[in-house]
């Protein structure tokens, strides 16, 4: 029996926006803190854009995308982020182990 997979595009887009906002906030803060004069300006702009996207995602998720932010966006994002970090670390350790043995 073949069942169709119901893809929730709203939650998919919201998870992308949450990860984009998180990346812009982190990289913008790092660039604004450690960069030179022009880099600090770019870092500040990235930080502000990340905050705006994050605020839109939090407050606009239920009214625009009809998605519960906590249950359909935040929880899967945290779990997927942790799972991806664990997967990347395992792959990196296998790669480093193979390189060190040769």
Protein backbone atom coordinates (compact mmCIF):
# COMPACT_ATOMS: atom_id res chain seq x y z
CA UNK A 1 0.00 0.00 0.00
CA UNK A 2 1.49 3.31 -1.08
CA UNK A 3 0.73 6.36 0.98
CA UNK A 4 1.56 9.87 -0.10
CA UNK A 5 3.83 11.98 2.01
CA UNK A 6 2.20 15.22 3.09
CA UNK A 7 4.95 17.80 3.04
CA UNK A 8 4.40 20.81 5.29
CA UNK A 9 5.91 23.60 3.20
CA UNK A 10 5.11 26.26 5.78
CA UNK A 11 7.09 24.49 8.49
CA UNK A 12 9.89 23.81 5.99
CA UNK A 13 10.20 27.51 5.11
CA UNK A 14 10.00 28.52 8.76
CA UNK A 15 12.83 26.13 9.72
CA UNK A 16 14.94 27.60 6.90
CA UNK A 17 14.20 31.11 8.18
CA UNK A 18 15.07 30.16 11.77
CA UNK A 19 18.40 28.66 10.71
CA UNK A 20 19.12 31.65 8.45
CA UNK A 21 18.38 34.07 11.29
CA UNK A 22 20.53 32.09 13.71
CA UNK A 23 23.45 31.97 11.27
CA UNK A 24 23.22 35.69 10.48
CA UNK A 25 23.07 36.60 14.17
CA UNK A 26 26.07 34.46 15.11
CA UNK A 27 28.23 35.38 12.11
CA UNK A 28 27.20 39.04 12.29
CA UNK A 29 28.14 39.25 15.96
CA UNK A 30 31.48 37.57 15.34
CA UNK A 31 32.23 39.82 12.37
CA UNK A 32 31.18 42.97 14.23
CA UNK A 33 33.33 42.06 17.22
CA UNK A 34 36.47 40.75 15.52
CA UNK A 35 36.43 42.62 12.21
CA UNK A 36 38.11 45.77 11.03
CA UNK A 37 36.24 49.03 10.37
CA UNK A 38 34.42 47.97 7.18
CA UNK A 39 33.92 44.44 8.41
CA UNK A 40 32.32 45.74 11.60
CA UNK A 41 29.75 47.65 9.58
CA UNK A 42 28.94 44.56 7.53
CA UNK A 43 28.77 42.46 10.70
CA UNK A 44 26.37 44.94 12.28
CA UNK A 45 24.13 44.85 9.21
CA UNK A 46 24.16 41.04 9.24
CA UNK A 47 23.28 41.06 12.94
CA UNK A 48 20.36 43.45 12.41
CA UNK A 49 19.05 41.50 9.40
CA UNK A 50 19.28 38.26 11.41
CA UNK A 51 17.35 39.82 14.28
CA UNK A 52 14.65 41.13 11.92
CA UNK A 53 14.26 37.72 10.25
CA UNK A 54 14.17 36.04 13.66
CA UNK A 55 11.51 38.42 14.99
CA UNK A 56 9.44 37.95 11.83
CA UNK A 57 9.73 34.19 12.14
CA UNK A 58 8.70 34.15 15.79
CA UNK A 59 5.80 36.58 15.58
CA UNK A 60 4.73 35.93 11.99
CA UNK A 61 4.74 32.16 12.03
CA UNK A 62 1.20 31.71 13.33
CA UNK A 63 -0.44 34.54 11.39
CA UNK A 64 1.39 34.31 8.04
CA UNK A 65 2.32 30.66 7.72
CA UNK A 66 -0.29 29.20 10.09
CA UNK A 67 2.41 27.22 11.87
CA UNK A 68 2.90 26.81 15.60
CA UNK A 69 6.36 28.24 16.16
CA UNK A 70 7.33 26.16 19.17
CA UNK A 71 5.93 22.77 18.17
CA UNK A 72 6.42 22.81 14.40
CA UNK A 73 9.48 25.05 13.98
CA UNK A 74 11.60 25.40 17.11
CA UNK A 75 11.61 21.79 18.34
CA UNK A 76 12.41 20.22 14.94
CA UNK A 77 15.06 22.89 14.30
CA UNK A 78 16.83 22.15 17.58
CA UNK A 79 16.67 18.39 17.04
CA UNK A 80 17.85 18.62 13.41
CA UNK A 81 20.65 21.01 14.36
CA UNK A 82 21.89 18.73 17.13
CA UNK A 83 21.61 15.67 14.87
CA UNK A 84 23.49 17.39 12.05
CA UNK A 85 26.28 18.52 14.39
CA UNK A 86 26.64 14.99 15.77
CA UNK A 87 26.72 13.56 12.23
CA UNK A 88 29.32 16.07 11.08
CA UNK A 89 31.48 15.43 14.15
CA UNK A 90 31.37 11.66 13.60
CA UNK A 91 32.30 12.13 9.96
CA UNK A 92 35.11 14.50 10.90
CA UNK A 93 36.48 12.08 13.48
CA UNK A 94 36.41 9.22 10.96
CA UNK A 95 38.16 11.43 8.42
CA UNK A 96 40.82 12.53 10.92
CA UNK A 97 41.31 8.96 12.09
CA UNK A 98 41.84 7.80 8.51
CA UNK A 99 44.27 10.65 7.82
CA UNK A 100 46.25 10.06 11.01
CA UNK A 101 46.64 6.31 10.30
CA UNK A 102 48.18 6.92 6.87
